[in-house]
Amino acid sequence: MMYDEFPHEITFQRIGKVPDGGGGYEEDYVDYIATEAFVSGLSSQEFYKAQQLKNPVNCNVYFPYRTDIEKTMRIIYENQILTLKSAPIDQGGMHEIMNLKCEITGVLSGDGTS
């Protein structure tokens, strides 16, 4: 169910084994979970601070509280690849909304690969 607070859909991906077509496996990103979210740009102040720290960040991703998201994952949003630049942050400490600082690092090709 989509909420006004979270009008976007994102998919978290993590490294997993995928068939290589020759009977073996190789490591690549595989879908982990899809969830509702709110993806927004940074304020000018946040952008300036990120640049000062030489930590490129393009957007904030807010999503319902969960504890299984790891910094090694990535997000697919509207055919864009978002690389996590922070560990998940519990907004306000109330176990309701999580925030991730992300960088747009690529786009998926038409066949869903990067």
Protein backbone atom coordinates (compact mmCIF):
# COMPACT_ATOMS: atom_id res chain seq x y z
CA MET A 1 0.00 0.00 0.00
CA MET A 2 1.43 3.38 -1.06
CA TYR A 3 1.29 6.22 1.49
CA ASP A 4 1.32 9.95 0.74
CA GLU A 5 4.35 10.17 3.00
CA PHE A 6 6.17 7.64 0.77
CA PRO A 7 5.02 8.28 -2.82
CA HIS A 8 7.90 6.43 -4.52
CA GLU A 9 8.82 2.76 -4.94
CA ILE A 10 12.42 1.61 -4.48
CA THR A 11 14.14 -1.75 -4.61
CA PHE A 12 17.03 -2.62 -2.34
CA GLN A 13 19.58 -4.93 -3.92
CA ARG A 14 22.43 -6.90 -2.36
CA ILE A 15 25.27 -9.03 -3.69
CA GLY A 16 24.17 -12.58 -4.39
CA LYS A 17 24.99 -15.53 -6.60
CA VAL A 18 23.45 -15.59 -10.07
CA PRO A 19 23.82 -18.33 -12.70
CA ASP A 20 26.61 -17.59 -15.18
CA GLY A 21 25.04 -19.65 -17.99
CA GLY A 22 27.75 -22.29 -17.85
CA GLY A 23 26.58 -24.26 -14.82
CA GLY A 24 28.35 -22.06 -12.31
CA TYR A 25 27.61 -18.87 -10.48
CA GLU A 26 28.97 -15.34 -10.34
CA GLU A 27 28.35 -12.54 -7.87
CA ASP A 28 26.11 -9.66 -8.88
CA TYR A 29 23.39 -7.50 -7.38
CA VAL A 30 20.05 -9.23 -6.90
CA ASP A 31 16.75 -7.78 -5.69
CA TYR A 32 16.33 -8.02 -1.92
CA ILE A 33 13.13 -6.12 -1.13
CA ALA A 34 10.88 -3.51 -2.71
CA THR A 35 9.33 -0.89 -0.45
CA GLU A 36 7.68 2.49 -0.51
CA ALA A 37 9.93 5.51 -0.01
CA PHE A 38 10.39 9.23 -0.49
CA VAL A 39 13.41 10.15 -2.61
CA SER A 40 14.38 13.82 -2.48
CA GLY A 41 17.25 16.06 -3.46
CA LEU A 42 19.53 17.66 -0.93
CA SER A 43 19.14 21.12 0.49
CA SER A 44 21.87 23.52 -0.59
CA GLN A 45 23.31 23.38 2.94
CA GLU A 46 23.48 19.56 2.92
CA PHE A 47 25.05 19.59 -0.55
CA TYR A 48 27.69 22.14 0.56
CA LYS A 49 28.59 20.07 3.66
CA ALA A 50 28.87 16.88 1.61
CA GLN A 51 31.20 18.62 -0.84
CA GLN A 52 33.35 19.93 2.02
CA LEU A 53 33.74 16.39 3.33
CA LYS A 54 34.49 15.09 -0.17
CA ASN A 55 31.57 12.69 0.23
CA PRO A 56 29.44 13.02 -2.92
CA VAL A 57 25.78 12.79 -1.99
CA ASN A 58 22.91 13.62 -4.37
CA CYS A 59 19.77 12.60 -2.52
CA ASN A 60 18.03 11.53 0.66
CA VAL A 61 15.97 8.36 0.71
CA TYR A 62 13.34 8.06 3.45
CA PHE A 63 11.53 4.75 4.01
CA PRO A 64 9.58 2.95 6.77
CA TYR A 65 11.68 1.74 9.69
CA ARG A 66 13.42 -1.60 9.26
CA THR A 67 16.61 -3.13 10.65
CA ASP A 68 17.75 -5.36 7.77
CA ILE A 69 19.22 -2.70 5.45
CA GLU A 70 23.02 -2.75 5.19
CA LYS A 71 25.43 -0.15 3.81
CA THR A 72 26.74 -2.68 1.26
CA MET A 73 23.36 -2.70 -0.53
CA ARG A 74 22.27 -0.40 -3.31
CA ILE A 75 18.91 1.05 -4.37
CA ILE A 76 17.16 1.01 -7.72
CA TYR A 77 14.85 3.99 -8.18
CA GLU A 78 13.28 4.97 -11.51
CA ASN A 79 15.99 3.13 -13.45
CA GLN A 80 18.74 4.89 -11.47
CA ILE A 81 21.34 3.17 -9.31
CA LEU A 82 21.72 4.83 -5.91
CA THR A 83 24.83 3.93 -3.92
CA LEU A 84 24.46 4.17 -0.15
CA LYS A 85 26.84 6.73 1.36
CA SER A 86 25.65 6.34 4.95
CA ALA A 87 24.45 3.60 7.23
CA PRO A 88 20.66 3.76 7.76
CA ILE A 89 19.72 6.58 10.13
CA ASP A 90 16.68 6.30 12.43
CA GLN A 91 15.05 9.72 11.94
CA GLY A 92 14.17 11.10 15.37
CA GLY A 93 14.95 7.82 17.14
CA MET A 94 11.28 6.76 17.13
CA HIS A 95 11.63 3.58 15.00
CA GLU A 96 9.27 5.01 12.37
CA ILE A 97 11.27 6.47 9.47
CA MET A 98 14.75 5.64 8.22
CA ASN A 99 17.01 7.90 6.12
CA LEU A 100 19.88 7.09 3.79
CA LYS A 101 22.27 9.52 2.14
CA CYS A 102 22.86 8.32 -1.42
CA GLU A 103 24.77 9.13 -4.58
CA ILE A 104 23.38 8.50 -8.07
CA THR A 105 26.10 6.34 -9.61
CA GLY A 106 24.49 4.99 -12.76
CA VAL A 107 21.43 4.01 -14.73
CA LEU A 108 20.14 0.61 -15.70
CA SER A 109 20.15 -0.37 -19.35
CA GLY A 110 16.94 -1.48 -21.04
CA ASP A 111 17.50 -5.10 -19.95
CA GLY A 112 17.79 -4.16 -16.26
CA THR A 113 21.57 -4.43 -16.02
CA SER A 114 23.98 -1.69 -15.05
